[in-house]
PDB file of N, CA and C in Angstrom:
ATOM      1  N   MET A   1       0.815  -1.198   0.000  1.00  0.00           N
ATOM      2  CA  MET A   1       0.000   0.000   0.000  1.00  0.00           C
ATOM      3  C   MET A   1       0.856   1.258   0.000  1.00  0.00           C
ATOM      4  N   GLU A   2       2.113   1.112  -0.261  1.00  0.00           N
ATOM      5  CA  GLU A   2       2.994   2.264  -0.281  1.00  0.00           C
ATOM      6  C   GLU A   2       2.675   3.208  -1.441  1.00  0.00           C
ATOM      7  N   PHE A   3       2.152   2.672  -2.546  1.00  0.00           N
ATOM      8  CA  PHE A   3       1.850   3.513  -3.697  1.00  0.00           C
ATOM      9  C   PHE A   3       0.689   4.467  -3.424  1.00  0.00           C
ATOM     10  N   LEU A   4      -0.129   4.223  -2.430  1.00  0.00           N
ATOM     11  CA  LEU A   4      -1.228   5.115  -2.102  1.00  0.00           C
ATOM     12  C   LEU A   4      -0.786   6.323  -1.289  1.00  0.00           C
ATOM     13  N   GLN A   5       0.400   6.261  -0.709  1.00  0.00           N
ATOM     14  CA  GLN A   5       0.843   7.341   0.155  1.00  0.00           C
ATOM     15  C   GLN A   5       1.425   8.518  -0.623  1.00  0.00           C
ATOM     16  N   THR A   6       2.024   8.272  -1.763  1.00  0.00           N
ATOM     17  CA  THR A   6       2.603   9.355  -2.547  1.00  0.00           C
ATOM     18  C   THR A   6       1.789   9.534  -3.826  1.00  0.00           C
ATOM     19  N   PRO A   7       1.139  10.673  -3.964  1.00  0.00           N
ATOM     20  CA  PRO A   7       0.361  10.890  -5.188  1.00  0.00           C
ATOM     21  C   PRO A   7       1.289  11.055  -6.392  1.00  0.00           C
ATOM     22  N   PRO A   8       0.886  10.565  -7.552  1.00  0.00           N
ATOM     23  CA  PRO A   8       1.737  10.656  -8.735  1.00  0.00           C
ATOM     24  C   PRO A   8       1.802  12.085  -9.263  1.00  0.00           C
ATOM     25  N   ASP A   9       2.830  12.335 -10.018  1.00  0.00           N
ATOM     26  CA  ASP A   9       3.007  13.630 -10.652  1.00  0.00           C
ATOM     27  C   ASP A   9       2.044  13.713 -11.845  1.00  0.00           C
ATOM     28  N   PRO A  10       1.209  14.743 -11.918  1.00  0.00           N
ATOM     29  CA  PRO A  10       0.195  14.781 -12.984  1.00  0.00           C
ATOM     30  C   PRO A  10       0.717  15.252 -14.342  1.00  0.00           C
ATOM     31  N   ASP A  11       2.011  15.515 -14.472  1.00  0.00           N
ATOM     32  CA  ASP A  11       2.536  16.073 -15.720  1.00  0.00           C
ATOM     33  C   ASP A  11       2.280  15.171 -16.919  1.00  0.00           C
ATOM     34  N   ALA A  12       2.563  13.882 -16.795  1.00  0.00           N
ATOM     35  CA  ALA A  12       2.371  12.967 -17.922  1.00  0.00           C
ATOM     36  C   ALA A  12       0.902  12.850 -18.292  1.00  0.00           C
ATOM     37  N   TYR A  13       0.021  12.845 -17.298  1.00  0.00           N
ATOM     38  CA  TYR A  13      -1.408  12.759 -17.568  1.00  0.00           C
ATOM     39  C   TYR A  13      -1.928  14.025 -18.247  1.00  0.00           C
ATOM     40  N   ILE A  14      -1.402  15.164 -17.848  1.00  0.00           N
ATOM     41  CA  ILE A  14      -1.838  16.425 -18.450  1.00  0.00           C
ATOM     42  C   ILE A  14      -1.361  16.520 -19.890  1.00  0.00           C
ATOM     43  N   VAL A  15      -0.145  16.066 -20.158  1.00  0.00           N
ATOM     44  CA  VAL A  15       0.349  16.050 -21.542  1.00  0.00           C
ATOM     45  C   VAL A  15      -0.527  15.149 -22.401  1.00  0.00           C
ATOM     46  N   LEU A  16      -0.887  13.983 -21.887  1.00  0.00           N
ATOM     47  CA  LEU A  16      -1.775  13.085 -22.618  1.00  0.00           C
ATOM     48  C   LEU A  16      -3.152  13.715 -22.812  1.00  0.00           C
ATOM     49  N   ALA A  17      -3.669  14.396 -21.807  1.00  0.00           N
ATOM     50  CA  ALA A  17      -4.971  15.050 -21.923  1.00  0.00           C
ATOM     51  C   ALA A  17      -4.938  16.165 -22.969  1.00  0.00           C
ATOM     52  N   VAL A  18      -3.863  16.936 -23.000  1.00  0.00           N
ATOM     53  CA  VAL A  18      -3.732  17.994 -24.009  1.00  0.00           C
ATOM     54  C   VAL A  18      -3.663  17.386 -25.402  1.00  0.00           C
ATOM     55  N   PHE A  19      -2.935  16.290 -25.537  1.00  0.00           N
ATOM     56  CA  PHE A  19      -2.825  15.608 -26.825  1.00  0.00           C
ATOM     57  C   PHE A  19      -4.194  15.090 -27.285  1.00  0.00           C
ATOM     58  N   LEU A  20      -4.935  14.449 -26.393  1.00  0.00           N
ATOM     59  CA  LEU A  20      -6.259  13.935 -26.739  1.00  0.00           C
ATOM     60  C   LEU A  20      -7.236  15.067 -27.056  1.00  0.00           C
ATOM     61  N   PHE A  21      -7.176  16.138 -26.283  1.00  0.00           N
ATOM     62  CA  PHE A  21      -8.063  17.278 -26.538  1.00  0.00           C
ATOM     63  C   PHE A  21      -7.742  17.912 -27.885  1.00  0.00           C
ATOM     64  N   SER A  22      -6.454  17.991 -28.231  1.00  0.00           N
ATOM     65  CA  SER A  22      -6.068  18.561 -29.518  1.00  0.00           C
ATOM     66  C   SER A  22      -6.570  17.710 -30.679  1.00  0.00           C
ATOM     67  N   ILE A  23      -6.460  16.398 -30.552  1.00  0.00           N
ATOM     68  CA  ILE A  23      -6.980  15.507 -31.597  1.00  0.00           C
ATOM     69  C   ILE A  23      -8.482  15.707 -31.752  1.00  0.00           C
ATOM     70  N   GLY A  24      -9.199  15.799 -30.643  1.00  0.00           N
ATOM     71  CA  GLY A  24     -10.640  16.007 -30.700  1.00  0.00           C
ATOM     72  C   GLY A  24     -11.010  17.340 -31.309  1.00  0.00           C
ATOM     73  N   ALA A  25     -10.291  18.394 -30.962  1.00  0.00           N
ATOM     74  CA  ALA A  25     -10.597  19.727 -31.491  1.00  0.00           C
ATOM     75  C   ALA A  25     -10.324  19.798 -32.992  1.00  0.00           C
ATOM     76  N   VAL A  26      -9.204  19.249 -33.419  1.00  0.00           N
ATOM     77  CA  VAL A  26      -8.885  19.249 -34.855  1.00  0.00           C
ATOM     78  C   VAL A  26      -9.897  18.404 -35.615  1.00  0.00           C
ATOM     79  N   GLY A  27     -10.252  17.256 -35.074  1.00  0.00           N
ATOM     80  CA  GLY A  27     -11.244  16.405 -35.727  1.00  0.00           C
ATOM     81  C   GLY A  27     -12.600  17.078 -35.818  1.00  0.00           C
ATOM     82  N   PHE A  28     -12.988  17.816 -34.790  1.00  0.00           N
ATOM     83  CA  PHE A  28     -14.271  18.510 -34.805  1.00  0.00           C
ATOM     84  C   PHE A  28     -14.271  19.617 -35.855  1.00  0.00           C
ATOM     85  N   LEU A  29     -13.157  20.334 -35.989  1.00  0.00           N
ATOM     86  CA  LEU A  29     -13.095  21.447 -36.930  1.00  0.00           C
ATOM     87  C   LEU A  29     -12.922  20.992 -38.375  1.00  0.00           C
ATOM     88  N   VAL A  30     -12.312  19.839 -38.593  1.00  0.00           N
ATOM     89  CA  VAL A  30     -11.985  19.398 -39.946  1.00  0.00           C
ATOM     90  C   VAL A  30     -13.090  18.540 -40.553  1.00  0.00           C
ATOM     91  N   ARG A  31     -13.641  17.639 -39.788  1.00  0.00           N
ATOM     92  CA  ARG A  31     -14.608  16.678 -40.324  1.00  0.00           C
ATOM     93  C   ARG A  31     -15.998  17.290 -40.407  1.00  0.00           C
ATOM     94  N   ARG A  32     -16.784  16.871 -41.399  1.00  0.00           N
ATOM     95  CA  ARG A  32     -18.135  17.381 -41.564  1.00  0.00           C
ATOM     96  C   ARG A  32     -19.194  16.325 -41.252  1.00  0.00           C
ATOM     97  N   ASN A  33     -18.792  15.089 -41.016  1.00  0.00           N
ATOM     98  CA  ASN A  33     -19.737  14.044 -40.660  1.00  0.00           C
ATOM     99  C   ASN A  33     -20.180  14.261 -39.216  1.00  0.00           C
ATOM    100  N   ALA A  34     -21.481  14.268 -38.994  1.00  0.00           N
ATOM    101  CA  ALA A  34     -22.007  14.598 -37.668  1.00  0.00           C
ATOM    102  C   ALA A  34     -21.631  13.549 -36.621  1.00  0.00           C
ATOM    103  N   ILE A  35     -21.595  12.292 -37.003  1.00  0.00           N
ATOM    104  CA  ILE A  35     -21.233  11.245 -36.036  1.00  0.00           C
ATOM    105  C   ILE A  35     -19.777  11.387 -35.616  1.00  0.00           C
ATOM    106  N   VAL A  36     -18.909  11.692 -36.558  1.00  0.00           N
ATOM    107  CA  VAL A  36     -17.494  11.896 -36.224  1.00  0.00           C
ATOM    108  C   VAL A  36     -17.333  13.139 -35.359  1.00  0.00           C
ATOM    109  N   MET A  37     -18.147  14.153 -35.603  1.00  0.00           N
ATOM    110  CA  MET A  37     -18.078  15.358 -34.777  1.00  0.00           C
ATOM    111  C   MET A  37     -18.488  15.056 -33.331  1.00  0.00           C
ATOM    112  N   PHE A  38     -19.520  14.224 -33.153  1.00  0.00           N
ATOM    113  CA  PHE A  38     -19.906  13.830 -31.796  1.00  0.00           C
ATOM    114  C   PHE A  38     -18.818  13.003 -31.124  1.00  0.00           C
ATOM    115  N   MET A  39     -18.156  12.140 -31.886  1.00  0.00           N
ATOM    116  CA  MET A  39     -17.060  11.357 -31.316  1.00  0.00           C
ATOM    117  C   MET A  39     -15.903  12.254 -30.895  1.00  0.00           C
ATOM    118  N   CYS A  40     -15.644  13.306 -31.658  1.00  0.00           N
ATOM    119  CA  CYS A  40     -14.580  14.241 -31.297  1.00  0.00           C
ATOM    120  C   CYS A  40     -14.947  15.034 -30.040  1.00  0.00           C
ATOM    121  N   ILE A  41     -16.212  15.387 -29.896  1.00  0.00           N
ATOM    122  CA  ILE A  41     -16.649  16.069 -28.672  1.00  0.00           C
ATOM    123  C   ILE A  41     -16.459  15.143 -27.472  1.00  0.00           C
ATOM    124  N   GLU A  42     -16.810  13.881 -27.635  1.00  0.00           N
ATOM    125  CA  GLU A  42     -16.619  12.909 -26.547  1.00  0.00           C
ATOM    126  C   GLU A  42     -15.138  12.749 -26.204  1.00  0.00           C
ATOM    127  N   LEU A  43     -14.278  12.775 -27.213  1.00  0.00           N
ATOM    128  CA  LEU A  43     -12.838  12.674 -26.960  1.00  0.00           C
ATOM    129  C   LEU A  43     -12.341  13.882 -26.173  1.00  0.00           C
ATOM    130  N   MET A  44     -12.846  15.056 -26.508  1.00  0.00           N
ATOM    131  CA  MET A  44     -12.456  16.250 -25.756  1.00  0.00           C
ATOM    132  C   MET A  44     -12.963  16.193 -24.316  1.00  0.00           C
ATOM    133  N   LEU A  45     -14.184  15.731 -24.123  1.00  0.00           N
ATOM    134  CA  LEU A  45     -14.711  15.608 -22.759  1.00  0.00           C
ATOM    135  C   LEU A  45     -13.918  14.588 -21.943  1.00  0.00           C
ATOM    136  N   ASN A  46     -13.512  13.483 -22.569  1.00  0.00           N
ATOM    137  CA  ASN A  46     -12.708  12.498 -21.849  1.00  0.00           C
ATOM    138  C   ASN A  46     -11.315  13.018 -21.533  1.00  0.00           C
ATOM    139  N   ALA A  47     -10.776  13.887 -22.377  1.00  0.00           N
ATOM    140  CA  ALA A  47      -9.485  14.510 -22.059  1.00  0.00           C
ATOM    141  C   ALA A  47      -9.610  15.413 -20.835  1.00  0.00           C
ATOM    142  N   VAL A  48     -10.712  16.141 -20.751  1.00  0.00           N
ATOM    143  CA  VAL A  48     -10.961  16.979 -19.567  1.00  0.00           C
ATOM    144  C   VAL A  48     -11.137  16.097 -18.335  1.00  0.00           C
ATOM    145  N   ASN A  49     -11.842  14.976 -18.496  1.00  0.00           N
ATOM    146  CA  ASN A  49     -12.019  14.050 -17.375  1.00  0.00           C
ATOM    147  C   ASN A  49     -10.679  13.516 -16.880  1.00  0.00           C
ATOM    148  N   LEU A  50      -9.790  13.186 -17.809  1.00  0.00           N
ATOM    149  CA  LEU A  50      -8.460  12.689 -17.423  1.00  0.00           C
ATOM    150  C   LEU A  50      -7.698  13.733 -16.628  1.00  0.00           C
ATOM    151  N   SER A  51      -7.778  14.981 -17.050  1.00  0.00           N
ATOM    152  CA  SER A  51      -7.067  16.028 -16.309  1.00  0.00           C
ATOM    153  C   SER A  51      -7.699  16.256 -14.931  1.00  0.00           C
ATOM    154  N   LEU A  52      -9.026  16.192 -14.840  1.00  0.00           N
ATOM    155  CA  LEU A  52      -9.678  16.356 -13.538  1.00  0.00           C
ATOM    156  C   LEU A  52      -9.290  15.241 -12.574  1.00  0.00           C
ATOM    157  N   VAL A  53      -9.266  14.012 -13.060  1.00  0.00           N
ATOM    158  CA  VAL A  53      -8.903  12.886 -12.196  1.00  0.00           C
ATOM    159  C   VAL A  53      -7.440  12.979 -11.776  1.00  0.00           C
ATOM    160  N   SER A  54      -6.563  13.353 -12.708  1.00  0.00           N
ATOM    161  CA  SER A  54      -5.139  13.419 -12.354  1.00  0.00           C
ATOM    162  C   SER A  54      -4.860  14.536 -11.348  1.00  0.00           C
ATOM    163  N   PHE A  55      -5.510  15.687 -11.513  1.00  0.00           N
ATOM    164  CA  PHE A  55      -5.333  16.754 -10.533  1.00  0.00           C
ATOM    165  C   PHE A  55      -5.951  16.378  -9.192  1.00  0.00           C
ATOM    166  N   GLY A  56      -7.097  15.735  -9.222  1.00  0.00           N
ATOM    167  CA  GLY A  56      -7.707  15.294  -7.971  1.00  0.00           C
ATOM    168  C   GLY A  56      -6.851  14.284  -7.237  1.00  0.00           C
ATOM    169  N   ARG A  57      -6.231  13.383  -7.986  1.00  0.00           N
ATOM    170  CA  ARG A  57      -5.351  12.380  -7.364  1.00  0.00           C
ATOM    171  C   ARG A  57      -4.081  13.036  -6.816  1.00  0.00           C
ATOM    172  N   ALA A  58      -3.530  13.995  -7.572  1.00  0.00           N
ATOM    173  CA  ALA A  58      -2.309  14.653  -7.109  1.00  0.00           C
ATOM    174  C   ALA A  58      -2.559  15.505  -5.866  1.00  0.00           C
ATOM    175  N   LEU A  59      -3.749  16.073  -5.758  1.00  0.00           N
ATOM    176  CA  LEU A  59      -4.080  16.910  -4.605  1.00  0.00           C
ATOM    177  C   LEU A  59      -4.752  16.132  -3.482  1.00  0.00           C
ATOM    178  N   SER A  60      -4.938  14.814  -3.670  1.00  0.00           N
ATOM    179  CA  SER A  60      -5.611  13.946  -2.698  1.00  0.00           C
ATOM    180  C   SER A  60      -6.998  14.484  -2.342  1.00  0.00           C
ATOM    181  N   ASP A  61      -7.739  14.840  -3.388  1.00  0.00           N
ATOM    182  CA  ASP A  61      -9.072  15.412  -3.222  1.00  0.00           C
ATOM    183  C   ASP A  61     -10.041  14.653  -4.119  1.00  0.00           C
ATOM    184  N   LEU A  62     -11.244  14.414  -3.637  1.00  0.00           N
ATOM    185  CA  LEU A  62     -12.239  13.687  -4.421  1.00  0.00           C
ATOM    186  C   LEU A  62     -13.077  14.584  -5.323  1.00  0.00           C
ATOM    187  N   SER A  63     -12.841  15.863  -5.321  1.00  0.00           N
ATOM    188  CA  SER A  63     -13.626  16.782  -6.138  1.00  0.00           C
ATOM    189  C   SER A  63     -13.481  16.491  -7.624  1.00  0.00           C
ATOM    190  N   GLY A  64     -12.295  16.075  -8.049  1.00  0.00           N
ATOM    191  CA  GLY A  64     -12.080  15.745  -9.458  1.00  0.00           C
ATOM    192  C   GLY A  64     -12.944  14.587  -9.914  1.00  0.00           C
ATOM    193  N   GLN A  65     -13.017  13.541  -9.093  1.00  0.00           N
ATOM    194  CA  GLN A  65     -13.837  12.388  -9.449  1.00  0.00           C
ATOM    195  C   GLN A  65     -15.325  12.738  -9.452  1.00  0.00           C
ATOM    196  N   ILE A  66     -15.740  13.610  -8.554  1.00  0.00           N
ATOM    197  CA  ILE A  66     -17.144  14.022  -8.517  1.00  0.00           C
ATOM    198  C   ILE A  66     -17.488  14.837  -9.757  1.00  0.00           C
ATOM    199  N   LEU A  67     -16.602  15.729 -10.164  1.00  0.00           N
ATOM    200  CA  LEU A  67     -16.834  16.505 -11.381  1.00  0.00           C
ATOM    201  C   LEU A  67     -16.859  15.615 -12.612  1.00  0.00           C
ATOM    202  N   VAL A  68     -16.025  14.578 -12.639  1.00  0.00           N
ATOM    203  CA  VAL A  68     -16.029  13.638 -13.761  1.00  0.00           C
ATOM    204  C   VAL A  68     -17.378  12.953 -13.866  1.00  0.00           C
ATOM    205  N   PHE A  69     -17.960  12.603 -12.750  1.00  0.00           N
ATOM    206  CA  PHE A  69     -19.287  11.975 -12.766  1.00  0.00           C
ATOM    207  C   PHE A  69     -20.308  12.893 -13.433  1.00  0.00           C
ATOM    208  N   PHE A  70     -20.303  14.175 -13.080  1.00  0.00           N
ATOM    209  CA  PHE A  70     -21.253  15.106 -13.672  1.00  0.00           C
ATOM    210  C   PHE A  70     -20.966  15.340 -15.153  1.00  0.00           C
ATOM    211  N   VAL A  71     -19.702  15.388 -15.530  1.00  0.00           N
ATOM    212  CA  VAL A  71     -19.359  15.542 -16.946  1.00  0.00           C
ATOM    213  C   VAL A  71     -19.845  14.343 -17.749  1.00  0.00           C
ATOM    214  N   LEU A  72     -19.715  13.142 -17.194  1.00  0.00           N
ATOM    215  CA  LEU A  72     -20.198  11.950 -17.892  1.00  0.00           C
ATOM    216  C   LEU A  72     -21.716  11.971 -18.042  1.00  0.00           C
ATOM    217  N   VAL A  73     -22.427  12.460 -17.041  1.00  0.00           N
ATOM    218  CA  VAL A  73     -23.889  12.555 -17.131  1.00  0.00           C
ATOM    219  C   VAL A  73     -24.291  13.548 -18.218  1.00  0.00           C
ATOM    220  N   VAL A  74     -23.625  14.693 -18.263  1.00  0.00           N
ATOM    221  CA  VAL A  74     -23.921  15.695 -19.292  1.00  0.00           C
ATOM    222  C   VAL A  74     -23.561  15.148 -20.672  1.00  0.00           C
ATOM    223  N   ALA A  75     -22.462  14.424 -20.784  1.00  0.00           N
ATOM    224  CA  ALA A  75     -22.060  13.849 -22.069  1.00  0.00           C
ATOM    225  C   ALA A  75     -23.075  12.816 -22.551  1.00  0.00           C
ATOM    226  N   ALA A  76     -23.625  12.024 -21.649  1.00  0.00           N
ATOM    227  CA  ALA A  76     -24.634  11.043 -22.041  1.00  0.00           C
ATOM    228  C   ALA A  76     -25.898  11.744 -22.536  1.00  0.00           C
ATOM    229  N   ALA A  77     -26.303  12.803 -21.868  1.00  0.00           N
ATOM    230  CA  ALA A  77     -27.472  13.554 -22.325  1.00  0.00           C
ATOM    231  C   ALA A  77     -27.215  14.202 -23.677  1.00  0.00           C
ATOM    232  N   GLU A  78     -26.010  14.706 -23.868  1.00  0.00           N
ATOM    233  CA  GLU A  78     -25.642  15.325 -25.151  1.00  0.00           C
ATOM    234  C   GLU A  78     -25.678  14.312 -26.277  1.00  0.00           C
ATOM    235  N   VAL A  79     -25.235  13.108 -26.014  1.00  0.00           N
ATOM    236  CA  VAL A  79     -25.253  12.064 -27.039  1.00  0.00           C
ATOM    237  C   VAL A  79     -26.687  11.699 -27.403  1.00  0.00           C
ATOM    238  N   MET A  80     -27.557  11.623 -26.425  1.00  0.00           N
ATOM    239  CA  MET A  80     -28.952  11.265 -26.706  1.00  0.00           C
ATOM    240  C   MET A  80     -29.643  12.338 -27.548  1.00  0.00           C
ATOM    241  N   VAL A  81     -29.443  13.597 -27.214  1.00  0.00           N
ATOM    242  CA  VAL A  81     -30.043  14.680 -27.993  1.00  0.00           C
ATOM    243  C   VAL A  81     -29.420  14.734 -29.382  1.00  0.00           C
ATOM    244  N   GLY A  82     -28.121  14.557 -29.453  1.00  0.00           N
ATOM    245  CA  GLY A  82     -27.435  14.580 -30.744  1.00  0.00           C
ATOM    246  C   GLY A  82     -27.877  13.454 -31.655  1.00  0.00           C
ATOM    247  N   LEU A  83     -28.040  12.264 -31.117  1.00  0.00           N
ATOM    248  CA  LEU A  83     -28.505  11.147 -31.939  1.00  0.00           C
ATOM    249  C   LEU A  83     -29.946  11.358 -32.388  1.00  0.00           C
ATOM    250  N   ALA A  84     -30.772  11.978 -31.571  1.00  0.00           N
ATOM    251  CA  ALA A  84     -32.138  12.279 -31.992  1.00  0.00           C
ATOM    252  C   ALA A  84     -32.139  13.267 -33.158  1.00  0.00           C
ATOM    253  N   ILE A  85     -31.266  14.264 -33.102  1.00  0.00           N
ATOM    254  CA  ILE A  85     -31.152  15.215 -34.205  1.00  0.00           C
ATOM    255  C   ILE A  85     -30.640  14.515 -35.455  1.00  0.00           C
ATOM    256  N   LEU A  86     -29.673  13.623 -35.304  1.00  0.00           N
ATOM    257  CA  LEU A  86     -29.153  12.890 -36.465  1.00  0.00           C
ATOM    258  C   LEU A  86     -30.219  12.003 -37.104  1.00  0.00           C
ATOM    259  N   VAL A  87     -31.041  11.378 -36.298  1.00  0.00           N
ATOM    260  CA  VAL A  87     -32.123  10.552 -36.847  1.00  0.00           C
ATOM    261  C   VAL A  87     -33.109  11.426 -37.608  1.00  0.00           C
ATOM    262  N   ALA A  88     -33.408  12.609 -37.086  1.00  0.00           N
ATOM    263  CA  ALA A  88     -34.320  13.519 -37.788  1.00  0.00           C
ATOM    264  C   ALA A  88     -33.733  13.968 -39.120  1.00  0.00           C
ATOM    265  N   ILE A  89     -32.444  14.218 -39.162  1.00  0.00           N
ATOM    266  CA  ILE A  89     -31.794  14.596 -40.426  1.00  0.00           C
ATOM    267  C   ILE A  89     -31.773  13.416 -41.379  1.00  0.00           C
ATOM    268  N   PHE A  90     -31.451  12.252 -40.871  1.00  0.00           N
ATOM    269  CA  PHE A  90     -31.324  11.074 -41.727  1.00  0.00           C
ATOM    270  C   PHE A  90     -32.668  10.667 -42.319  1.00  0.00           C
ATOM    271  N   ARG A  91     -33.766  10.984 -41.642  1.00  0.00           N
ATOM    272  CA  ARG A  91     -35.088  10.682 -42.197  1.00  0.00           C
ATOM    273  C   ARG A  91     -35.397  11.558 -43.400  1.00  0.00           C
ATOM    274  N   ARG A  92     -34.910  12.790 -43.402  1.00  0.00           N
ATOM    275  CA  ARG A  92     -35.155  13.694 -44.527  1.00  0.00           C
ATOM    276  C   ARG A  92     -34.183  13.464 -45.678  1.00  0.00           C
ATOM    277  N   ARG A  93     -32.947  13.109 -45.356  1.00  0.00           N
ATOM    278  CA  ARG A  93     -31.912  12.901 -46.369  1.00  0.00           C
ATOM    279  C   ARG A  93     -31.215  11.587 -46.109  1.00  0.00           C
ATOM    280  N   ALA A  94     -30.499  11.107 -47.088  1.00  0.00           N
ATOM    281  CA  ALA A  94     -29.826   9.816 -46.953  1.00  0.00           C
ATOM    282  C   ALA A  94     -28.454   9.944 -46.300  1.00  0.00           C
ATOM    283  N   ARG A  95     -28.026  11.136 -45.994  1.00  0.00           N
ATOM    284  CA  ARG A  95     -26.725  11.327 -45.355  1.00  0.00           C
ATOM    285  C   ARG A  95     -26.887  12.207 -44.126  1.00  0.00           C
ATOM    286  N   ALA A  96     -25.912  12.143 -43.266  1.00  0.00           N
ATOM    287  CA  ALA A  96     -25.972  12.916 -42.022  1.00  0.00           C
ATOM    288  C   ALA A  96     -24.734  13.789 -41.918  1.00  0.00           C
ATOM    289  N   SER A  97     -24.722  14.874 -42.626  1.00  0.00           N
ATOM    290  CA  SER A  97     -23.617  15.816 -42.639  1.00  0.00           C
ATOM    291  C   SER A  97     -23.978  17.031 -41.798  1.00  0.00           C
ATOM    292  N   ALA A  98     -22.971  17.750 -41.359  1.00  0.00           N
ATOM    293  CA  ALA A  98     -23.225  18.960 -40.571  1.00  0.00           C
ATOM    294  C   ALA A  98     -23.837  20.057 -41.438  1.00  0.00           C
ATOM    295  N   ASP A  99     -23.661  19.980 -42.745  1.00  0.00           N
ATOM    296  CA  ASP A  99     -24.258  20.960 -43.648  1.00  0.00           C
ATOM    297  C   ASP A  99     -25.764  20.768 -43.782  1.00  0.00           C
ATOM    298  N   ASP A 100     -26.272  19.607 -43.393  1.00  0.00           N
ATOM    299  CA  ASP A 100     -27.695  19.328 -43.511  1.00  0.00           C
ATOM    300  C   ASP A 100     -28.508  19.829 -42.321  1.00  0.00           C
ATOM    301  N   MET A 101     -27.890  20.501 -41.386  1.00  0.00           N
ATOM    302  CA  MET A 101     -28.603  21.011 -40.212  1.00  0.00           C
ATOM    303  C   MET A 101     -29.627  22.074 -40.584  1.00  0.00           C
ATOM    304  N   SER A 102     -29.417  22.777 -41.690  1.00  0.00           N
ATOM    305  CA  SER A 102     -30.377  23.823 -42.088  1.00  0.00           C
ATOM    306  C   SER A 102     -31.700  23.222 -42.535  1.00  0.00           C
ATOM    307  N   SER A 103     -31.738  21.922 -42.822  1.00  0.00           N
ATOM    308  CA  SER A 103     -32.991  21.297 -43.246  1.00  0.00           C
ATOM    309  C   SER A 103     -33.962  21.117 -42.076  1.00  0.00           C
ATOM    310  N   LEU A 104     -33.533  21.382 -40.849  1.00  0.00           N
ATOM    311  CA  LEU A 104     -34.405  21.231 -39.690  1.00  0.00           C
ATOM    312  C   LEU A 104     -35.182  22.502 -39.356  1.00  0.00           C
ATOM    313  N   LYS A 105     -34.986  23.578 -40.124  1.00  0.00           N
ATOM    314  CA  LYS A 105     -35.692  24.828 -39.854  1.00  0.00           C
ATOM    315  C   LYS A 105     -37.172  24.661 -40.101  1.00  0.00           C
ATOM    316  N   GLY A 106     -37.954  25.259 -39.215  1.00  0.00           N
ATOM    317  CA  GLY A 106     -39.395  25.351 -39.324  1.00  0.00           C
ATOM    318  C   GLY A 106     -40.014  24.162 -39.852  1.00  0.00           C
TER     319      GLY A 106
END
């Protein structure tokens, strides 16, 4: 149980979180497929979760894990609403691109 007494250095986890967030941000800005855009948003949210957990572990505080729980709940709700919008678009057209969002007006 000696490994529980010294919290790890969060530097490596933060570098990984920045790398994952960057991949998600570039993917969101470059790709036009709505499903890929949702996957990139999820990747960015998981990068934030990784940084929250690593900082919480380094500071020996449970606030990071509690915030991760709420972020996961919000992400699940976002996925459900996003998939409902994608189904509505896919019913009108045979493809689900971000450019087809204007077809949902009125």
